[in-house]
Amino acid sequence: MAHDPIEDRFTKRKDKKKLDDLSRKQRSTEDIEAEDEILARAKTEREKDPDKYQLKSTDRPGRNDPCPCGSGKKYKKCCGAKK
C-alpha cells in the first residue's frame, strides 16, 4: 500500500486539535474539591500509621547491601568506604 501524505496530514491535524481541546478544558470546582478531599484523607491516613508509609530505613545498611545514595554500588564500596 502506498504512503498517503494527505492521510498523514489529516491525522496530525486531528491529534493537534485533540491536544488543543484538552489544554483549553478547565477544571471544575467540584473536581478541585474532590481532589483536595482525597489528599486530606490520605494525609490523615499517613498520620495514623507513619511506619506503614516510611520510605527510608532508619537502620544503617549492611556492608553488602546496596548503597542508599542510589549509585548501585555496594555500601562498602561507596558511602561506607573508609577514606
Protein backbone atom coordinates (compact mmCIF):
# COMPACT_ATOMS: atom_id res chain seq x y z
CA MET A 1 0.00 0.00 0.00
CA ALA A 2 1.34 3.40 -0.93
CA HIS A 3 2.17 6.08 1.61
CA ASP A 4 -0.61 8.67 1.74
CA PRO A 5 0.65 12.14 2.78
CA ILE A 6 -2.88 13.57 2.84
CA GLU A 7 -3.94 10.99 5.41
CA ASP A 8 -0.84 11.78 7.50
CA ARG A 9 -1.69 15.48 7.48
CA PHE A 10 -5.27 14.68 8.46
CA THR A 11 -4.22 12.53 11.44
CA LYS A 12 -1.67 15.14 12.58
CA ARG A 13 -4.32 17.86 12.39
CA LYS A 14 -6.80 15.67 14.30
CA ASP A 15 -4.22 14.91 17.03
CA LYS A 16 -3.32 18.60 17.32
CA LYS A 17 -7.00 19.54 17.65
CA LYS A 18 -7.46 16.93 20.37
CA LEU A 19 -4.49 18.30 22.31
CA ASP A 20 -5.74 21.87 21.91
CA ASP A 21 -9.16 20.86 23.25
CA LEU A 22 -7.57 19.19 26.27
CA SER A 23 -5.43 22.24 27.01
CA ARG A 24 -8.46 24.54 26.88
CA LYS A 25 -10.52 22.36 29.18
CA GLN A 26 -10.83 23.93 32.63
CA ARG A 27 -11.18 22.01 35.83
CA SER A 28 -14.47 22.45 37.61
CA THR A 29 -14.67 23.43 41.27
CA GLU A 30 -16.15 20.01 42.04
CA ASP A 31 -13.07 18.32 40.61
CA ILE A 32 -10.76 20.54 42.66
CA GLU A 33 -12.75 19.99 45.86
CA ALA A 34 -12.81 16.22 45.30
CA GLU A 35 -9.04 16.18 44.79
CA ASP A 36 -8.49 18.23 47.96
CA GLU A 37 -10.71 15.83 49.91
CA ILE A 38 -8.75 12.81 48.65
CA LEU A 39 -5.45 14.46 49.60
CA ALA A 40 -6.76 15.31 53.08
CA ARG A 41 -7.89 11.71 53.63
CA ALA A 42 -4.51 10.40 52.50
CA LYS A 43 -2.73 12.80 54.87
CA THR A 44 -4.80 11.69 57.87
CA GLU A 45 -4.20 8.05 56.93
CA ARG A 46 -0.43 8.64 56.85
CA GLU A 47 -0.58 10.41 60.23
CA LYS A 48 -2.35 7.41 61.83
CA ASP A 49 0.40 4.93 60.96
CA PRO A 50 3.60 6.69 59.82
CA ASP A 51 5.66 3.47 59.97
CA LYS A 52 3.50 1.95 57.24
CA TYR A 53 4.34 4.82 54.85
CA GLN A 54 8.03 5.16 55.75
CA LEU A 55 10.21 5.47 52.66
CA LYS A 56 13.69 5.12 54.11
CA SER A 57 15.08 2.72 56.63
CA THR A 58 16.28 4.20 59.89
CA ASP A 59 18.86 1.44 60.32
CA ARG A 60 22.34 1.63 58.88
CA PRO A 61 22.72 -0.61 55.82
CA GLY A 62 24.85 -3.72 55.97
CA ARG A 63 28.20 -3.87 54.20
CA ASN A 64 26.89 -5.90 51.27
CA ASP A 65 23.57 -4.07 50.92
CA PRO A 66 23.05 -1.65 48.04
CA CYS A 67 24.09 1.88 48.90
CA PRO A 68 21.16 4.14 49.92
CA CYS A 69 22.56 7.01 47.81
CA GLY A 70 21.30 5.22 44.70
CA SER A 71 24.65 4.69 42.98
CA GLY A 72 24.01 0.98 42.51
CA LYS A 73 27.23 0.02 44.26
CA LYS A 74 27.52 -1.94 47.46
CA TYR A 75 27.57 0.18 50.61
CA LYS A 76 31.08 -0.98 51.48
CA LYS A 77 32.42 0.26 48.11
CA CYS A 78 30.52 3.55 48.08
CA CYS A 79 29.50 5.61 51.12
CA GLY A 80 30.74 3.05 53.63
CA ALA A 81 34.31 3.03 52.32
CA LYS A 82 36.92 4.35 54.72
CA LYS A 83 38.62 7.40 53.34
